[in-house]
N, C-alpha and C. Protein backbone atom coordinates (compact mmCIF):
# COMPACT_ATOMS: atom_id res chain seq x y z
N UNK A 1 0.84 -1.20 0.00
CA UNK A 1 0.00 0.00 0.00
C UNK A 1 0.87 1.25 0.00
N UNK A 2 0.46 2.30 -0.73
CA UNK A 2 1.20 3.54 -0.77
C UNK A 2 1.11 4.24 0.58
N UNK A 3 2.18 4.97 0.92
CA UNK A 3 2.13 5.76 2.14
C UNK A 3 1.20 6.95 1.91
N UNK A 4 0.59 7.41 3.00
CA UNK A 4 -0.41 8.48 2.91
C UNK A 4 0.18 9.82 3.31
N UNK A 5 -0.05 10.82 2.48
CA UNK A 5 0.48 12.16 2.71
C UNK A 5 -0.67 13.15 2.78
N UNK A 6 -0.67 13.98 3.83
CA UNK A 6 -1.66 15.04 3.97
C UNK A 6 -1.00 16.35 3.55
N UNK A 7 -1.52 16.97 2.50
CA UNK A 7 -0.99 18.21 1.97
C UNK A 7 -1.94 19.36 2.29
N UNK A 8 -1.48 20.32 3.06
CA UNK A 8 -2.31 21.49 3.41
C UNK A 8 -1.69 22.70 2.72
N UNK A 9 -2.31 23.12 1.64
CA UNK A 9 -1.77 24.20 0.80
C UNK A 9 -2.94 24.94 0.17
N UNK A 10 -3.01 26.28 0.39
CA UNK A 10 -4.16 27.03 -0.08
C UNK A 10 -3.97 27.62 -1.47
N UNK A 11 -2.75 27.61 -2.01
CA UNK A 11 -2.50 28.17 -3.34
C UNK A 11 -3.25 27.34 -4.39
N UNK A 12 -4.21 27.94 -5.11
CA UNK A 12 -5.03 27.17 -6.05
C UNK A 12 -4.26 26.61 -7.24
N UNK A 13 -3.07 27.13 -7.50
CA UNK A 13 -2.25 26.59 -8.58
C UNK A 13 -1.22 25.61 -8.06
N UNK A 14 -0.51 26.00 -7.00
CA UNK A 14 0.56 25.15 -6.49
C UNK A 14 0.04 23.88 -5.85
N UNK A 15 -1.07 23.98 -5.12
CA UNK A 15 -1.60 22.81 -4.43
C UNK A 15 -1.86 21.63 -5.36
N UNK A 16 -2.64 21.81 -6.42
CA UNK A 16 -2.89 20.70 -7.35
C UNK A 16 -1.63 20.20 -8.05
N UNK A 17 -0.69 21.10 -8.35
CA UNK A 17 0.58 20.67 -8.97
C UNK A 17 1.35 19.78 -8.01
N UNK A 18 1.46 20.20 -6.76
CA UNK A 18 2.15 19.40 -5.77
C UNK A 18 1.48 18.04 -5.60
N UNK A 19 0.15 18.05 -5.54
CA UNK A 19 -0.58 16.79 -5.40
C UNK A 19 -0.27 15.85 -6.56
N UNK A 20 -0.29 16.37 -7.78
CA UNK A 20 -0.05 15.53 -8.95
C UNK A 20 1.37 14.97 -8.96
N UNK A 21 2.35 15.80 -8.57
CA UNK A 21 3.74 15.33 -8.55
C UNK A 21 3.95 14.29 -7.46
N UNK A 22 3.43 14.56 -6.27
CA UNK A 22 3.66 13.67 -5.13
C UNK A 22 2.88 12.36 -5.25
N UNK A 23 1.83 12.35 -6.07
CA UNK A 23 1.04 11.13 -6.25
C UNK A 23 1.87 9.99 -6.86
N UNK A 24 3.00 10.32 -7.48
CA UNK A 24 3.87 9.27 -8.01
C UNK A 24 4.39 8.35 -6.91
N UNK A 25 4.51 8.88 -5.67
CA UNK A 25 5.05 8.07 -4.57
C UNK A 25 4.10 7.95 -3.38
N UNK A 26 3.10 8.83 -3.32
CA UNK A 26 2.26 8.90 -2.14
C UNK A 26 0.79 8.87 -2.51
N UNK A 27 -0.03 8.49 -1.55
CA UNK A 27 -1.48 8.66 -1.66
C UNK A 27 -1.79 10.01 -1.01
N UNK A 28 -2.11 11.01 -1.82
CA UNK A 28 -2.17 12.40 -1.35
C UNK A 28 -3.60 12.86 -1.09
N UNK A 29 -3.81 13.47 0.07
CA UNK A 29 -5.06 14.17 0.39
C UNK A 29 -4.74 15.66 0.46
N UNK A 30 -5.36 16.46 -0.40
CA UNK A 30 -5.10 17.90 -0.46
C UNK A 30 -6.20 18.66 0.27
N UNK A 31 -5.79 19.53 1.20
CA UNK A 31 -6.72 20.39 1.92
C UNK A 31 -6.30 21.84 1.72
N UNK A 32 -7.21 22.73 1.37
CA UNK A 32 -6.86 24.13 1.10
C UNK A 32 -6.87 25.04 2.32
N UNK A 33 -7.12 24.51 3.51
CA UNK A 33 -7.12 25.35 4.71
C UNK A 33 -6.66 24.52 5.90
N UNK A 34 -6.20 25.22 6.94
CA UNK A 34 -5.76 24.54 8.15
C UNK A 34 -6.92 23.82 8.83
N UNK A 35 -8.10 24.43 8.78
CA UNK A 35 -9.27 23.81 9.42
C UNK A 35 -9.60 22.47 8.75
N UNK A 36 -9.54 22.43 7.42
CA UNK A 36 -9.80 21.17 6.71
C UNK A 36 -8.67 20.17 6.96
N UNK A 37 -7.44 20.68 7.05
CA UNK A 37 -6.32 19.81 7.35
C UNK A 37 -6.44 19.19 8.73
N UNK A 38 -6.88 19.97 9.71
CA UNK A 38 -7.06 19.47 11.06
C UNK A 38 -8.12 18.37 11.10
N UNK A 39 -9.22 18.60 10.39
CA UNK A 39 -10.29 17.59 10.34
C UNK A 39 -9.80 16.32 9.66
N UNK A 40 -9.03 16.46 8.58
CA UNK A 40 -8.50 15.29 7.88
C UNK A 40 -7.54 14.50 8.75
N UNK A 41 -6.66 15.21 9.46
CA UNK A 41 -5.69 14.54 10.33
C UNK A 41 -6.38 13.82 11.47
N UNK A 42 -7.43 14.43 12.01
CA UNK A 42 -8.16 13.82 13.12
C UNK A 42 -8.97 12.61 12.67
N UNK A 43 -9.43 12.64 11.42
CA UNK A 43 -10.30 11.57 10.94
C UNK A 43 -9.61 10.49 10.14
N UNK A 44 -8.32 10.66 9.82
CA UNK A 44 -7.62 9.68 9.01
C UNK A 44 -6.30 9.29 9.63
N UNK A 45 -5.55 8.48 8.88
CA UNK A 45 -4.23 8.04 9.32
C UNK A 45 -3.24 8.38 8.21
N UNK A 46 -2.24 9.19 8.54
CA UNK A 46 -1.27 9.63 7.54
C UNK A 46 0.15 9.32 8.01
N UNK A 47 1.03 9.14 7.03
CA UNK A 47 2.44 8.86 7.34
C UNK A 47 3.26 10.13 7.46
N UNK A 48 2.80 11.22 6.82
CA UNK A 48 3.55 12.47 6.83
C UNK A 48 2.62 13.60 6.40
N UNK A 49 2.95 14.82 6.80
CA UNK A 49 2.14 15.96 6.39
C UNK A 49 3.05 17.06 5.85
N UNK A 50 2.60 17.72 4.80
CA UNK A 50 3.25 18.93 4.26
C UNK A 50 2.28 20.07 4.49
N UNK A 51 2.74 21.13 5.16
CA UNK A 51 1.85 22.20 5.56
C UNK A 51 2.43 23.56 5.20
N UNK A 52 1.66 24.38 4.50
CA UNK A 52 2.09 25.75 4.23
C UNK A 52 1.97 26.56 5.52
N UNK A 53 2.90 27.50 5.71
CA UNK A 53 2.87 28.29 6.93
C UNK A 53 1.75 29.32 6.92
N UNK A 54 1.60 30.00 5.80
CA UNK A 54 0.58 31.05 5.71
C UNK A 54 -0.67 30.47 5.06
N UNK A 55 -1.72 30.34 5.85
CA UNK A 55 -2.99 29.77 5.39
C UNK A 55 -4.11 30.72 5.79
N UNK A 56 -5.22 30.70 5.06
CA UNK A 56 -6.36 31.54 5.45
C UNK A 56 -6.97 31.04 6.76
N UNK A 57 -7.36 31.96 7.63
CA UNK A 57 -7.91 31.53 8.92
C UNK A 57 -6.79 31.08 9.84
N UNK A 58 -6.88 29.86 10.35
CA UNK A 58 -5.84 29.31 11.20
C UNK A 58 -4.53 29.21 10.42
N UNK A 59 -3.43 29.59 11.04
CA UNK A 59 -2.13 29.53 10.37
C UNK A 59 -1.57 28.12 10.39
N UNK A 60 -0.57 27.89 9.57
CA UNK A 60 0.08 26.59 9.56
C UNK A 60 0.74 26.27 10.89
N UNK A 61 1.33 27.28 11.51
CA UNK A 61 1.95 27.08 12.82
C UNK A 61 0.92 26.66 13.86
N UNK A 62 -0.25 27.31 13.85
CA UNK A 62 -1.30 26.96 14.81
C UNK A 62 -1.82 25.55 14.54
N UNK A 63 -1.89 25.17 13.28
CA UNK A 63 -2.32 23.82 12.94
C UNK A 63 -1.36 22.80 13.52
N UNK A 64 -0.07 23.02 13.30
CA UNK A 64 0.93 22.09 13.81
C UNK A 64 0.89 22.02 15.34
N UNK A 65 0.79 23.18 15.98
CA UNK A 65 0.73 23.21 17.45
C UNK A 65 -0.49 22.44 17.97
N UNK A 66 -1.62 22.59 17.28
CA UNK A 66 -2.84 21.89 17.69
C UNK A 66 -2.67 20.39 17.55
N UNK A 67 -2.08 19.94 16.46
CA UNK A 67 -1.86 18.50 16.27
C UNK A 67 -0.94 17.95 17.35
N UNK A 68 0.12 18.69 17.67
CA UNK A 68 1.04 18.22 18.71
C UNK A 68 0.36 18.19 20.08
N UNK A 69 -0.51 19.16 20.36
CA UNK A 69 -1.22 19.17 21.64
C UNK A 69 -2.16 17.98 21.77
N UNK A 70 -2.55 17.41 20.64
CA UNK A 70 -3.42 16.23 20.63
C UNK A 70 -2.61 14.93 20.56
N UNK A 71 -1.31 15.04 20.77
CA UNK A 71 -0.40 13.88 20.79
C UNK A 71 -0.32 13.17 19.45
N UNK A 72 -0.51 13.90 18.36
CA UNK A 72 -0.38 13.33 17.03
C UNK A 72 1.07 13.51 16.59
N UNK A 73 1.75 12.40 16.38
CA UNK A 73 3.21 12.44 16.20
C UNK A 73 3.65 12.28 14.75
N UNK A 74 2.74 12.37 13.78
CA UNK A 74 3.17 12.22 12.40
C UNK A 74 4.19 13.29 12.05
N UNK A 75 5.22 12.94 11.26
CA UNK A 75 6.22 13.94 10.86
C UNK A 75 5.60 15.01 9.97
N UNK A 76 6.03 16.26 10.17
CA UNK A 76 5.46 17.40 9.46
C UNK A 76 6.57 18.23 8.84
N UNK A 77 6.42 18.51 7.55
CA UNK A 77 7.32 19.43 6.85
C UNK A 77 6.55 20.70 6.56
N UNK A 78 7.10 21.85 6.99
CA UNK A 78 6.43 23.13 6.79
C UNK A 78 7.02 23.86 5.59
N UNK A 79 6.14 24.40 4.75
CA UNK A 79 6.55 25.19 3.58
C UNK A 79 6.29 26.67 3.85
N UNK A 80 7.17 27.53 3.37
CA UNK A 80 6.95 28.96 3.54
C UNK A 80 7.79 29.76 2.57
N UNK A 81 7.33 30.98 2.31
CA UNK A 81 8.11 31.92 1.51
C UNK A 81 9.04 32.73 2.39
N UNK A 82 8.92 32.54 3.71
CA UNK A 82 9.73 33.27 4.67
C UNK A 82 10.98 32.46 5.00
N UNK A 83 12.15 32.98 4.61
CA UNK A 83 13.36 32.20 4.75
C UNK A 83 14.33 32.67 5.82
N UNK A 84 13.92 33.64 6.63
CA UNK A 84 14.80 34.11 7.69
C UNK A 84 14.94 33.05 8.79
N UNK A 85 16.07 33.08 9.49
CA UNK A 85 16.34 32.08 10.51
C UNK A 85 15.25 32.06 11.57
N UNK A 86 14.81 33.25 12.02
CA UNK A 86 13.79 33.27 13.08
C UNK A 86 12.46 32.69 12.60
N UNK A 87 12.17 32.82 11.29
CA UNK A 87 10.95 32.22 10.75
C UNK A 87 11.03 30.70 10.83
N UNK A 88 12.19 30.16 10.48
CA UNK A 88 12.38 28.71 10.55
C UNK A 88 12.29 28.22 11.99
N UNK A 89 12.91 28.97 12.89
CA UNK A 89 12.89 28.58 14.30
C UNK A 89 11.45 28.55 14.83
N UNK A 90 10.66 29.55 14.48
CA UNK A 90 9.27 29.59 14.93
C UNK A 90 8.48 28.38 14.42
N UNK A 91 8.71 28.03 13.16
CA UNK A 91 8.02 26.86 12.60
C UNK A 91 8.42 25.57 13.30
N UNK A 92 9.70 25.42 13.56
CA UNK A 92 10.19 24.21 14.23
C UNK A 92 9.72 24.15 15.68
N UNK A 93 9.70 25.30 16.34
CA UNK A 93 9.25 25.32 17.73
C UNK A 93 7.75 25.04 17.84
N UNK A 94 7.01 25.31 16.78
CA UNK A 94 5.58 24.99 16.78
C UNK A 94 5.35 23.48 16.73
N UNK A 95 6.39 22.73 16.30
CA UNK A 95 6.26 21.28 16.27
C UNK A 95 6.57 20.65 14.93
N UNK A 96 6.94 21.47 13.92
CA UNK A 96 7.32 20.91 12.63
C UNK A 96 8.65 20.17 12.75
N UNK A 97 8.85 19.16 11.91
CA UNK A 97 10.11 18.39 11.92
C UNK A 97 11.12 18.90 10.91
N UNK A 98 10.63 19.58 9.88
CA UNK A 98 11.52 20.09 8.85
C UNK A 98 10.88 21.33 8.23
N UNK A 99 11.68 22.06 7.46
CA UNK A 99 11.26 23.37 6.96
C UNK A 99 11.84 23.54 5.57
N UNK A 100 11.01 23.92 4.59
CA UNK A 100 11.48 24.10 3.22
C UNK A 100 10.96 25.44 2.71
N UNK A 101 11.87 26.26 2.15
CA UNK A 101 11.52 27.60 1.69
C UNK A 101 11.11 27.57 0.22
N UNK A 102 10.02 28.26 -0.09
CA UNK A 102 9.58 28.43 -1.48
C UNK A 102 10.41 29.51 -2.16
N UNK A 103 10.68 29.39 -3.46
CA UNK A 103 10.39 28.24 -4.31
C UNK A 103 11.38 27.10 -4.03
N UNK A 104 10.96 25.88 -4.30
CA UNK A 104 11.79 24.72 -4.02
C UNK A 104 11.76 23.77 -5.21
N UNK A 105 12.73 22.87 -5.24
CA UNK A 105 12.75 21.82 -6.25
C UNK A 105 12.00 20.61 -5.72
N UNK A 106 11.16 20.00 -6.55
CA UNK A 106 10.40 18.85 -6.10
C UNK A 106 11.31 17.68 -5.72
N UNK A 107 12.46 17.59 -6.35
CA UNK A 107 13.40 16.53 -6.00
C UNK A 107 13.85 16.65 -4.54
N UNK A 108 14.08 17.90 -4.09
CA UNK A 108 14.46 18.10 -2.70
C UNK A 108 13.29 17.81 -1.76
N UNK A 109 12.09 18.24 -2.14
CA UNK A 109 10.92 17.98 -1.31
C UNK A 109 10.71 16.48 -1.11
N UNK A 110 10.74 15.71 -2.19
CA UNK A 110 10.51 14.28 -2.06
C UNK A 110 11.62 13.60 -1.27
N UNK A 111 12.87 14.07 -1.41
CA UNK A 111 13.97 13.49 -0.64
C UNK A 111 13.77 13.75 0.85
N UNK A 112 13.34 14.96 1.19
CA UNK A 112 13.10 15.28 2.60
C UNK A 112 11.95 14.45 3.16
N UNK A 113 10.91 14.23 2.36
CA UNK A 113 9.78 13.43 2.83
C UNK A 113 10.20 11.98 3.04
N UNK A 114 11.03 11.45 2.16
CA UNK A 114 11.52 10.08 2.35
C UNK A 114 12.33 9.99 3.64
N UNK A 115 13.16 10.99 3.88
CA UNK A 115 13.98 10.99 5.10
C UNK A 115 13.11 11.06 6.35
N UNK A 116 12.07 11.90 6.31
CA UNK A 116 11.19 12.02 7.46
C UNK A 116 10.47 10.72 7.76
N UNK A 117 9.99 10.04 6.75
CA UNK A 117 9.26 8.80 6.99
C UNK A 117 10.20 7.67 7.37
N UNK A 118 11.43 7.68 6.86
CA UNK A 118 12.40 6.68 7.32
C UNK A 118 12.68 6.86 8.80
N UNK A 119 12.82 8.11 9.23
CA UNK A 119 13.13 8.38 10.62
C UNK A 119 12.03 7.90 11.56
N UNK A 120 10.76 7.89 11.06
CA UNK A 120 9.65 7.56 11.93
C UNK A 120 9.09 6.15 11.69
N UNK A 121 9.74 5.40 10.82
CA UNK A 121 9.17 4.10 10.48
C UNK A 121 9.56 2.98 11.42
N UNK A 122 10.58 3.20 12.25
CA UNK A 122 11.05 2.12 13.10
C UNK A 122 11.87 1.11 12.34
N UNK A 123 12.35 1.46 11.14
CA UNK A 123 13.11 0.52 10.32
C UNK A 123 14.36 0.06 11.05
N UNK A 124 14.63 -1.23 10.93
CA UNK A 124 15.83 -1.85 11.49
C UNK A 124 15.92 -1.67 13.00
N UNK A 125 14.80 -1.43 13.66
CA UNK A 125 14.80 -1.25 15.10
C UNK A 125 13.51 -1.80 15.68
N UNK A 126 13.59 -2.18 16.95
CA UNK A 126 12.40 -2.69 17.60
C UNK A 126 11.62 -1.58 18.26
N UNK A 127 10.32 -1.78 18.39
CA UNK A 127 9.43 -0.83 19.05
C UNK A 127 8.97 -1.48 20.35
N UNK A 128 9.27 -0.85 21.46
CA UNK A 128 8.90 -1.40 22.76
C UNK A 128 7.40 -1.22 23.01
N UNK A 129 6.75 -2.30 23.39
CA UNK A 129 5.34 -2.28 23.76
C UNK A 129 5.23 -3.02 25.09
N UNK A 130 5.35 -2.26 26.16
CA UNK A 130 5.41 -2.91 27.46
C UNK A 130 6.65 -3.78 27.54
N UNK A 131 6.50 -5.03 27.86
CA UNK A 131 7.63 -5.94 27.90
C UNK A 131 7.90 -6.63 26.58
N UNK A 132 7.13 -6.29 25.55
CA UNK A 132 7.28 -6.89 24.23
C UNK A 132 8.09 -5.94 23.33
N UNK A 133 8.70 -6.50 22.27
CA UNK A 133 9.43 -5.69 21.29
C UNK A 133 8.94 -6.08 19.90
N UNK A 134 8.40 -5.11 19.19
CA UNK A 134 7.81 -5.32 17.86
C UNK A 134 8.83 -4.94 16.80
N UNK A 135 9.07 -5.84 15.82
CA UNK A 135 10.00 -5.60 14.72
C UNK A 135 9.19 -5.58 13.41
N UNK A 136 8.70 -4.41 13.00
CA UNK A 136 7.84 -4.37 11.81
C UNK A 136 8.54 -4.82 10.54
N UNK A 137 9.85 -4.53 10.38
CA UNK A 137 10.55 -4.94 9.16
C UNK A 137 10.70 -6.45 9.06
N UNK A 138 10.72 -7.12 10.20
CA UNK A 138 10.88 -8.57 10.21
C UNK A 138 9.56 -9.31 10.41
N UNK A 139 8.45 -8.56 10.50
CA UNK A 139 7.12 -9.14 10.70
C UNK A 139 7.09 -10.11 11.89
N UNK A 140 7.60 -9.62 13.02
CA UNK A 140 7.59 -10.46 14.21
C UNK A 140 7.55 -9.60 15.46
N UNK A 141 7.22 -10.23 16.58
CA UNK A 141 7.22 -9.55 17.87
C UNK A 141 7.89 -10.48 18.86
N UNK A 142 8.70 -9.91 19.73
CA UNK A 142 9.46 -10.70 20.69
C UNK A 142 8.77 -10.69 22.04
N UNK A 143 8.44 -11.87 22.51
CA UNK A 143 7.79 -12.03 23.80
C UNK A 143 8.83 -11.94 24.91
N UNK A 144 8.48 -11.41 26.08
CA UNK A 144 9.43 -11.37 27.20
C UNK A 144 9.70 -12.73 27.80
N UNK A 145 8.92 -13.75 27.38
CA UNK A 145 9.11 -15.07 27.98
C UNK A 145 9.07 -16.22 26.97
N UNK A 146 8.73 -15.95 25.69
CA UNK A 146 8.60 -17.06 24.74
C UNK A 146 9.33 -16.83 23.42
N UNK A 147 10.23 -15.85 23.38
CA UNK A 147 10.99 -15.62 22.15
C UNK A 147 10.18 -14.92 21.08
N UNK A 148 10.67 -15.01 19.85
CA UNK A 148 10.02 -14.30 18.73
C UNK A 148 8.80 -15.05 18.21
N UNK A 149 7.79 -14.27 17.88
CA UNK A 149 6.54 -14.80 17.33
C UNK A 149 6.35 -14.15 15.97
N UNK A 150 6.19 -14.94 14.94
CA UNK A 150 6.02 -14.42 13.59
C UNK A 150 4.59 -13.91 13.39
N UNK A 151 4.48 -12.81 12.65
CA UNK A 151 3.19 -12.21 12.33
C UNK A 151 2.94 -12.23 10.84
N UNK A 152 1.68 -12.27 10.45
CA UNK A 152 1.34 -12.18 9.04
C UNK A 152 1.50 -10.72 8.58
N UNK A 153 1.44 -10.51 7.27
CA UNK A 153 1.56 -9.16 6.74
C UNK A 153 0.48 -8.23 7.27
N UNK A 154 -0.76 -8.72 7.31
CA UNK A 154 -1.86 -7.88 7.79
C UNK A 154 -1.73 -7.59 9.28
N UNK A 155 -1.31 -8.57 10.06
CA UNK A 155 -1.10 -8.36 11.49
C UNK A 155 -0.01 -7.32 11.73
N UNK A 156 1.06 -7.43 10.94
CA UNK A 156 2.17 -6.49 11.07
C UNK A 156 1.74 -5.07 10.74
N UNK A 157 1.01 -4.91 9.64
CA UNK A 157 0.57 -3.58 9.23
C UNK A 157 -0.36 -2.96 10.26
N UNK A 158 -1.30 -3.74 10.77
CA UNK A 158 -2.23 -3.23 11.77
C UNK A 158 -1.50 -2.80 13.04
N UNK A 159 -0.58 -3.62 13.51
CA UNK A 159 0.16 -3.28 14.73
C UNK A 159 1.07 -2.07 14.50
N UNK A 160 1.63 -1.96 13.29
CA UNK A 160 2.50 -0.82 12.98
C UNK A 160 1.72 0.49 13.02
N UNK A 161 0.48 0.48 12.51
CA UNK A 161 -0.35 1.70 12.56
C UNK A 161 -0.59 2.11 14.01
N UNK A 162 -0.95 1.16 14.85
CA UNK A 162 -1.20 1.47 16.26
C UNK A 162 0.07 1.96 16.95
N UNK A 163 1.22 1.36 16.61
CA UNK A 163 2.47 1.71 17.27
C UNK A 163 3.01 3.06 16.82
N UNK A 164 2.60 3.54 15.65
CA UNK A 164 3.07 4.83 15.16
C UNK A 164 2.63 5.96 16.08
N UNK A 165 1.41 5.87 16.61
CA UNK A 165 0.90 6.88 17.55
C UNK A 165 0.30 6.14 18.75
N UNK A 166 1.16 5.71 19.67
CA UNK A 166 0.70 4.81 20.75
C UNK A 166 -0.30 5.42 21.71
N UNK A 167 -0.37 6.75 21.78
CA UNK A 167 -1.32 7.39 22.69
C UNK A 167 -2.68 7.64 22.03
N UNK A 168 -2.77 7.37 20.74
CA UNK A 168 -3.99 7.71 20.00
C UNK A 168 -4.94 6.52 19.93
N UNK A 169 -6.22 6.80 20.09
CA UNK A 169 -7.26 5.79 19.88
C UNK A 169 -7.75 5.91 18.44
N UNK A 170 -7.64 4.83 17.68
CA UNK A 170 -8.07 4.80 16.29
C UNK A 170 -9.45 4.16 16.19
N UNK A 171 -10.31 4.73 15.36
CA UNK A 171 -11.59 4.08 15.10
C UNK A 171 -11.35 2.86 14.22
N UNK A 172 -12.30 1.97 14.19
CA UNK A 172 -12.18 0.78 13.34
C UNK A 172 -12.10 1.18 11.88
N UNK A 173 -12.84 2.24 11.51
CA UNK A 173 -12.81 2.70 10.12
C UNK A 173 -11.44 3.24 9.74
N UNK A 174 -10.80 3.97 10.65
CA UNK A 174 -9.46 4.49 10.39
C UNK A 174 -8.45 3.36 10.21
N UNK A 175 -8.53 2.35 11.07
CA UNK A 175 -7.62 1.21 10.97
C UNK A 175 -7.89 0.40 9.71
N UNK A 176 -9.15 0.29 9.32
CA UNK A 176 -9.48 -0.43 8.10
C UNK A 176 -8.84 0.25 6.90
N UNK A 177 -8.95 1.58 6.82
CA UNK A 177 -8.38 2.33 5.70
C UNK A 177 -6.86 2.25 5.69
N UNK A 178 -6.26 2.33 6.86
CA UNK A 178 -4.79 2.41 6.95
C UNK A 178 -4.10 1.07 6.79
N UNK A 179 -4.77 -0.02 7.18
CA UNK A 179 -4.06 -1.30 7.27
C UNK A 179 -4.53 -2.37 6.30
N UNK A 180 -5.67 -2.18 5.65
CA UNK A 180 -6.21 -3.24 4.81
C UNK A 180 -6.55 -2.75 3.42
N UNK A 181 -6.58 -3.67 2.49
CA UNK A 181 -6.88 -3.34 1.11
C UNK A 181 -8.34 -2.91 0.96
N UNK A 182 -8.56 -2.10 -0.08
CA UNK A 182 -9.91 -1.62 -0.37
C UNK A 182 -10.85 -2.80 -0.60
N UNK A 183 -12.02 -2.73 0.01
CA UNK A 183 -13.01 -3.80 -0.17
C UNK A 183 -13.19 -4.64 1.07
N UNK A 184 -12.24 -4.57 2.01
CA UNK A 184 -12.38 -5.32 3.25
C UNK A 184 -13.47 -4.67 4.10
N UNK A 185 -14.13 -5.46 4.94
CA UNK A 185 -15.18 -4.93 5.80
C UNK A 185 -14.59 -4.53 7.15
N UNK A 186 -15.33 -3.70 7.88
CA UNK A 186 -14.83 -3.19 9.15
C UNK A 186 -14.63 -4.30 10.17
N UNK A 187 -15.35 -5.40 10.04
CA UNK A 187 -15.17 -6.52 10.97
C UNK A 187 -13.80 -7.18 10.80
N UNK A 188 -13.15 -6.91 9.66
CA UNK A 188 -11.79 -7.43 9.46
C UNK A 188 -10.85 -6.90 10.53
N UNK A 189 -11.04 -5.66 10.94
CA UNK A 189 -10.20 -5.08 11.99
C UNK A 189 -10.36 -5.88 13.28
N UNK A 190 -11.60 -6.17 13.67
CA UNK A 190 -11.85 -6.94 14.89
C UNK A 190 -11.20 -8.32 14.80
N UNK A 191 -11.29 -8.92 13.62
CA UNK A 191 -10.72 -10.26 13.43
C UNK A 191 -9.22 -10.25 13.65
N UNK A 192 -8.53 -9.26 13.09
CA UNK A 192 -7.07 -9.23 13.21
C UNK A 192 -6.61 -8.75 14.58
N UNK A 193 -7.39 -7.94 15.24
CA UNK A 193 -7.10 -7.62 16.64
C UNK A 193 -7.15 -8.91 17.47
N UNK A 194 -8.16 -9.72 17.21
CA UNK A 194 -8.29 -11.02 17.90
C UNK A 194 -7.09 -11.91 17.60
N UNK A 195 -6.64 -11.96 16.34
CA UNK A 195 -5.48 -12.77 15.98
C UNK A 195 -4.23 -12.31 16.73
N UNK A 196 -4.03 -10.99 16.78
CA UNK A 196 -2.84 -10.46 17.47
C UNK A 196 -2.89 -10.76 18.96
N UNK A 197 -4.04 -10.60 19.56
CA UNK A 197 -4.16 -10.91 20.99
C UNK A 197 -3.93 -12.38 21.26
N UNK A 198 -4.42 -13.23 20.38
CA UNK A 198 -4.26 -14.67 20.57
C UNK A 198 -2.79 -15.08 20.47
N UNK A 199 -2.04 -14.41 19.60
CA UNK A 199 -0.62 -14.74 19.43
C UNK A 199 0.26 -14.13 20.51
N UNK A 200 -0.22 -13.05 21.14
CA UNK A 200 0.64 -12.30 22.04
C UNK A 200 0.04 -12.20 23.44
N UNK A 201 -0.61 -11.11 23.73
CA UNK A 201 -1.15 -10.82 25.06
C UNK A 201 -2.44 -10.04 24.86
N UNK A 202 -3.46 -10.34 25.61
CA UNK A 202 -4.73 -9.66 25.42
C UNK A 202 -4.61 -8.15 25.64
N UNK A 203 -3.66 -7.74 26.49
CA UNK A 203 -3.50 -6.32 26.78
C UNK A 203 -2.61 -5.60 25.77
N UNK A 204 -2.13 -6.31 24.75
CA UNK A 204 -1.29 -5.66 23.75
C UNK A 204 -2.07 -4.58 23.01
N UNK A 205 -3.36 -4.82 22.78
CA UNK A 205 -4.24 -3.85 22.14
C UNK A 205 -5.44 -3.64 23.06
N UNK A 206 -5.71 -2.39 23.37
CA UNK A 206 -6.79 -2.04 24.28
C UNK A 206 -8.04 -1.63 23.49
N UNK A 207 -9.18 -2.13 23.90
CA UNK A 207 -10.45 -1.70 23.33
C UNK A 207 -10.96 -0.48 24.08
N UNK A 208 -11.23 0.60 23.36
CA UNK A 208 -11.81 1.80 23.95
C UNK A 208 -13.28 1.80 23.52
N UNK A 209 -14.14 1.46 24.43
CA UNK A 209 -15.55 1.24 24.09
C UNK A 209 -16.18 2.46 23.44
N UNK A 210 -16.86 2.21 22.35
CA UNK A 210 -17.54 3.27 21.62
C UNK A 210 -16.64 4.10 20.73
N UNK A 211 -15.31 3.82 20.76
CA UNK A 211 -14.37 4.59 19.95
C UNK A 211 -13.58 3.69 19.01
N UNK A 212 -12.83 2.73 19.56
CA UNK A 212 -12.03 1.86 18.70
C UNK A 212 -10.93 1.17 19.48
N UNK A 213 -9.71 1.22 18.96
CA UNK A 213 -8.59 0.53 19.57
C UNK A 213 -7.38 1.45 19.71
N UNK A 214 -6.55 1.15 20.69
CA UNK A 214 -5.27 1.82 20.86
C UNK A 214 -4.25 0.79 21.35
N UNK A 215 -2.98 1.15 21.26
CA UNK A 215 -1.94 0.26 21.76
C UNK A 215 -2.07 0.13 23.27
N UNK A 216 -1.91 -1.09 23.77
CA UNK A 216 -2.02 -1.33 25.19
C UNK A 216 -0.67 -1.31 25.89
N UNK A 217 -0.69 -1.74 27.14
CA UNK A 217 0.55 -1.79 27.93
C UNK A 217 0.65 -3.15 28.61
N UNK A 218 0.95 -4.19 27.83
CA UNK A 218 1.07 -5.52 28.43
C UNK A 218 2.23 -5.59 29.41
N UNK A 219 2.08 -6.43 30.41
CA UNK A 219 3.16 -6.58 31.40
C UNK A 219 4.31 -7.37 30.79
C-alpha cells in the first residue's frame, strides 16, 4: 500500500501541482485550509504531512501546534516563503520536523519526505510495547518469555499503525483504511485484533468502548 500524505496548501495553482507530482510516490489528500487539514488529520491516518505556513484563517503554525497538543506524532514538513532564521525557528518550535523555503525543487521535497518517513518508520529497530518488542521490518514480535513470534503481513501492518501513535485511539474505520486493502469490511479489523491478541497478550491492544482501539501496555 502507498504511504499516505496530507498536503495542506491554499494556493489554487501550487496545491494541485504538488498533489499531482507527489502522487507518483504517495497517496495524497489535499486540503486548502488549516481547518480542513485538522479535520482530515483527526479523521484519518497519515504517514507524513506537508503544511504551508501562511494559510487563510488558522495559520500553519497553529495547525501544527494543535496537532502536537493532541499527541499526534506524524512527521510534518512546513513550507513557507519566509526564509529568515527566526521564521524557521518559529516553525520548528511549533512542532514541525523540517522546513522548506519556497520556491523549491520537487526533487528536494521528495527526498526530505523520504527521510522524514524513514526516521519515523522504526526501520531496522524494535518498538517497545510494554515488555514486548515489535519488529515491523521482520514481521515479528518478541515475547518477554517465549521468544520471537512471527506475524502475518496484515497483522504487522495493523500493529504498525497502532504503534506509530501509541497514545492515540483509532476508530475501526481508520484502521481499516490504513491497514487493509480496499473492499475489506470493518469486521476485518476486529478479526485481526483477535489474531494479534491470541498470538501475544490480550493487553497488547486495548479496546476503547464506543471509539475503537489503541496500543495497550502488556506486562
